[in-house]
Structure formats: C-alpha cells, structure tokens
Protein backbone atom coordinates (compact mmCIF):
# COMPACT_ATOMS: atom_id res chain seq x y z
CA MET A 1 -0.63 60.43 -168.69
CA LYS A 2 -2.77 63.24 -167.27
CA LYS A 3 -4.59 63.61 -170.62
CA LEU A 4 -5.30 59.87 -170.66
CA HIS A 5 -6.70 60.02 -167.09
CA ASN A 6 -8.93 63.00 -168.00
CA LEU A 7 -10.17 61.12 -171.07
CA PHE A 8 -11.21 58.07 -169.01
CA ALA A 9 -12.78 60.25 -166.31
CA GLY A 10 -14.99 61.86 -168.95
CA ILE A 11 -15.96 58.46 -170.34
CA ASN A 12 -16.91 57.18 -166.86
CA VAL A 13 -19.09 60.23 -166.20
CA GLY A 14 -20.65 59.87 -169.65
CA ILE A 15 -21.38 56.17 -169.13
CA CYS A 16 -22.84 56.80 -165.66
CA SER A 17 -25.10 59.62 -166.81
CA THR A 18 -26.21 57.59 -169.85
CA THR A 19 -26.99 54.61 -167.60
CA ILE A 20 -28.96 56.76 -165.16
CA ILE A 21 -30.93 58.43 -167.95
CA GLY A 22 -31.66 55.04 -169.51
CA PHE A 23 -32.81 53.63 -166.18
CA LEU A 24 -35.11 56.61 -165.57
CA PHE A 25 -36.55 56.26 -169.08
CA VAL A 26 -37.36 52.56 -168.58
CA LEU A 27 -38.82 53.28 -165.13
CA SER A 28 -41.06 56.02 -166.55
CA ILE A 29 -42.34 53.65 -169.26
CA PHE A 30 -43.29 51.01 -166.70
CA SER A 31 -44.95 53.61 -164.48
CA ALA A 32 -46.90 55.03 -167.40
CA CYS A 33 -48.02 51.54 -168.48
CA LYS A 34 -49.51 50.65 -165.10
CA MET A 35 -53.17 49.89 -165.64
CA PRO A 36 -55.55 52.05 -163.60
CA ASP A 37 -57.75 50.24 -161.07
CA THR A 38 -60.88 51.22 -163.00
CA LYS A 39 -59.64 49.11 -165.93
CA LYS A 40 -57.81 46.44 -163.93
CA ILE A 41 -60.98 45.36 -162.11
CA ILE A 42 -62.88 44.57 -165.33
CA GLY A 43 -63.43 40.84 -165.67
CA LYS A 44 -64.46 37.83 -163.61
CA TRP A 45 -63.18 37.30 -160.05
CA GLN A 46 -63.81 34.20 -157.97
CA SER A 47 -63.21 33.10 -154.37
CA ASP A 48 -64.01 29.58 -153.17
CA ARG A 49 -67.66 29.71 -154.17
CA ASP A 50 -68.53 33.40 -154.69
CA TRP A 51 -67.82 35.30 -157.89
CA PHE A 52 -68.13 38.78 -159.38
CA VAL A 53 -68.03 40.01 -162.97
CA PHE A 54 -67.19 43.71 -163.28
CA ALA A 55 -67.99 45.33 -166.63
CA ALA A 56 -66.52 48.44 -168.26
CA ASP A 57 -69.91 50.21 -168.07
CA MET A 58 -69.57 50.20 -164.23
CA THR A 59 -72.09 47.39 -163.69
CA TYR A 60 -71.50 44.07 -162.01
CA SER A 61 -73.01 40.63 -161.69
CA SER A 62 -72.41 38.20 -158.85
CA GLY A 63 -73.35 34.79 -157.65
CA LYS A 64 -72.40 31.61 -155.89
CA ASP A 65 -71.19 28.50 -157.71
CA ASP A 66 -73.26 28.26 -160.93
CA ILE A 67 -76.07 30.48 -159.65
CA GLN A 68 -76.19 34.12 -160.72
CA MET A 69 -77.78 36.11 -157.91
CA VAL A 70 -77.57 39.68 -159.24
CA HIS A 71 -76.98 41.18 -162.66
CA GLY A 72 -76.54 44.70 -163.98
CA PHE A 73 -76.19 46.61 -160.72
CA HIS A 74 -73.84 49.60 -160.53
CA TYR A 75 -70.52 49.77 -158.75
CA THR A 76 -68.04 52.54 -158.04
CA ILE A 77 -64.33 52.28 -157.43
CA ASP A 78 -62.14 54.91 -155.75
CA PRO A 79 -58.46 54.10 -156.41
CA GLU A 80 -57.21 56.75 -153.97
CA LYS A 81 -59.22 55.42 -151.02
CA HIS A 82 -59.14 51.79 -152.23
CA GLU A 83 -62.92 51.63 -151.88
CA LEU A 84 -65.22 49.48 -153.97
CA ASN A 85 -68.97 50.07 -153.52
CA LEU A 86 -71.47 47.55 -154.83
CA TYR A 87 -75.01 48.89 -155.18
CA THR A 88 -78.21 46.84 -155.26
CA LYS A 89 -81.87 47.69 -155.86
CA ASP A 90 -82.24 48.09 -152.08
CA PRO A 91 -80.36 51.19 -150.77
CA GLN A 92 -80.05 49.40 -147.41
CA SER A 93 -78.05 46.60 -149.07
CA THR A 94 -75.14 48.54 -150.52
CA TYR A 95 -71.82 46.80 -149.95
CA TYR A 96 -68.93 49.04 -148.96
CA LEU A 97 -65.59 47.29 -149.45
CA TYR A 98 -61.92 48.11 -149.08
CA TYR A 99 -59.80 46.49 -151.75
CA GLU A 100 -56.12 45.77 -152.34
CA TRP A 101 -54.30 44.15 -155.23
CA LYS A 102 -52.08 41.17 -154.54
CA GLY A 103 -50.13 40.94 -157.76
CA GLU A 104 -52.00 41.26 -161.03
CA ASP A 105 -54.49 38.42 -160.60
CA THR A 106 -55.71 38.61 -157.00
CA LEU A 107 -58.22 41.11 -155.66
CA GLN A 108 -58.46 41.21 -151.86
CA VAL A 109 -61.60 42.73 -150.33
CA ARG A 110 -63.04 43.27 -146.88
CA ASN A 111 -66.20 44.91 -145.60
CA VAL A 112 -65.66 48.52 -144.52
CA LEU A 113 -68.37 48.29 -141.87
CA SER A 114 -67.08 45.08 -140.27
CA THR A 115 -64.68 44.91 -137.32
CA ASN A 116 -63.21 41.80 -138.96
CA LYS A 117 -60.08 42.97 -140.81
CA ASP A 118 -59.58 39.69 -142.71
CA ARG A 119 -59.60 39.99 -146.48
CA VAL A 120 -61.19 37.58 -148.93
CA ASP A 121 -59.10 36.73 -152.00
CA PHE A 122 -60.76 36.74 -155.41
CA ILE A 123 -58.69 35.29 -158.24
CA ARG A 124 -59.04 36.60 -161.81
CA ILE A 125 -60.71 34.04 -164.06
CA LYS A 126 -59.65 34.29 -167.70
CA THR A 127 -62.67 34.96 -169.94
CA SER A 128 -63.33 36.69 -173.24
CA MET A 129 -63.63 39.97 -171.27
CA ASN A 130 -59.97 40.04 -170.25
C-alpha cells in the first residue's frame, strides 16, 4: 500500500509541475507576441469627427470629417512615458499628448498641457494599412 501511495504522490507532483511549466510557456508566448506601441499605433484612428493616420515612417496625417488638414508631419511615441508628440511646421504648434490603450482598437489621448484630464477616444478604422 505504501508503494502505491508513493507512486501516486510522484504522479501528482509530475502532473502539477508539468501543468505549471505548460502554463508559464503559454504565458511567455502571449507576452512575447504583444505588439509594441510603435507598431500598434500604425493605421487610421477616428473620434466623432477628427481622425489621424499614423504611418510606419513616423509621419501622420489628420483632419476633420472628409477634410485632410495636415499630411506628412512627424510624430514620436514613447511607450514608457505613454507620450505621443505630434509635430507641425510651426514649432509653437506641437501637440503633446498622453495616450492609453483601451483594448486593441481604442486609443485614448489627452493634452499633456491641459488641466482637463478627460481623454478622447479614437477608434481604429480598418484600412489597407492594418
């Protein structure tokens, strides 16, 4: 009887360690597959009327409704600080934004320089870019 108990105890430990190792393996795959913010932001994002298109070459276009207001200006993104900076031809008109992700398809932004802490939601629009 003691041998039988020792046999089952070894099986339980083996099953538990195999399960834990398997879980850690799957977790590491999902962590490794997480898309970096610099790639995740590429594509078209739209709020009620405003929109942005972020390109892989670190340029952006933006507009309102069907009107494109800017095209080909540079942007930077800092994933550690969650900062998104949109540059224009006028150095006085640079937009400094904080950003957060809400799921995979919503980009929330707010102006760094504003006392208003409300975020504006931009929804990913499916295009040929993404």
